[in-house]
Amino acid sequence: MTLHAAVTGTEPEWIKSSYSTSDGPDCVEVATAPAHILVRDSKNPDGPRLALAPAAWAHFLPYASAR
């Protein structure tokens, strides 16, 4: 997965998982920040967010994309 989003103003641009559909279930959203990859629950956009170092995100992706 490659992220092309960027922080616009003070709020990051969130990208919803391609596995989320209008028929459900919602999933996760990710965004890039200057020093982190941000992850949040798409059903709770004002809720908690994870902030991962780029190296941690890169290490996690193979597990997330394995099906």
Protein backbone atom coordinates (compact mmCIF):
# COMPACT_ATOMS: atom_id res chain seq x y z
CA MET A 1 0.00 0.00 0.00
CA THR A 2 1.34 3.40 -0.92
CA LEU A 3 0.01 6.57 0.63
CA HIS A 4 -0.14 9.75 -1.39
CA ALA A 5 -2.13 11.82 1.08
CA ALA A 6 -0.64 14.83 2.76
CA VAL A 7 -1.46 17.15 5.59
CA THR A 8 -3.55 20.04 4.29
CA GLY A 9 -3.65 22.92 6.73
CA THR A 10 -3.91 21.48 10.22
CA GLU A 11 -5.97 18.39 9.41
CA PRO A 12 -4.46 15.42 7.55
CA GLU A 13 -6.13 14.06 4.42
CA TRP A 14 -7.55 10.64 5.31
CA ILE A 15 -7.73 7.71 2.89
CA LYS A 16 -10.31 5.01 3.58
CA SER A 17 -9.32 1.41 3.08
CA SER A 18 -10.27 -0.03 -0.30
CA TYR A 19 -11.90 -2.88 1.66
CA SER A 20 -14.49 -0.43 3.02
CA THR A 21 -17.61 -0.17 0.89
CA SER A 22 -20.89 1.71 1.09
CA ASP A 23 -22.49 -1.67 1.88
CA GLY A 24 -20.24 -2.00 4.97
CA PRO A 25 -18.37 -2.81 6.97
CA ASP A 26 -16.37 0.35 7.46
CA CYS A 27 -12.77 -0.20 8.22
CA VAL A 28 -9.76 1.98 8.87
CA GLU A 29 -8.45 5.20 7.41
CA VAL A 30 -4.83 6.26 7.12
CA ALA A 31 -3.12 9.59 6.56
CA THR A 32 0.42 10.84 6.36
CA ALA A 33 1.80 13.48 8.69
CA PRO A 34 5.29 15.00 8.60
CA ALA A 35 6.82 12.33 10.86
CA HIS A 36 4.10 9.68 11.24
CA ILE A 37 1.54 7.51 9.56
CA LEU A 38 -1.82 8.10 11.25
CA VAL A 39 -4.48 5.38 11.58
CA ARG A 40 -8.07 5.77 12.79
CA ASP A 41 -11.38 3.92 12.83
CA SER A 42 -13.48 5.20 9.92
CA LYS A 43 -16.65 4.74 11.99
CA ASN A 44 -15.26 7.04 14.70
CA PRO A 45 -13.27 9.78 12.93
CA ASP A 46 -13.12 11.96 16.04
CA GLY A 47 -11.92 9.07 18.21
CA PRO A 48 -8.39 8.01 19.06
CA ARG A 49 -5.69 7.81 16.42
CA LEU A 50 -2.56 5.75 16.22
CA ALA A 51 0.61 7.56 15.18
CA LEU A 52 3.18 5.16 13.78
CA ALA A 53 6.74 5.83 12.74
CA PRO A 54 7.23 5.19 9.02
CA ALA A 55 9.49 2.20 9.78
CA ALA A 56 6.84 0.63 12.04
CA TRP A 57 4.19 1.15 9.34
CA ALA A 58 6.43 -0.47 6.72
CA HIS A 59 7.01 -3.43 9.04
CA PHE A 60 3.24 -3.79 9.67
CA LEU A 61 2.06 -3.64 6.02
CA PRO A 62 3.03 -7.19 4.99
CA TYR A 63 0.85 -8.55 7.83
CA ALA A 64 -2.06 -6.27 6.98
CA SER A 65 -2.02 -7.04 3.28
CA ALA A 66 -1.71 -10.84 3.62
CA ARG A 67 -5.02 -12.56 2.97
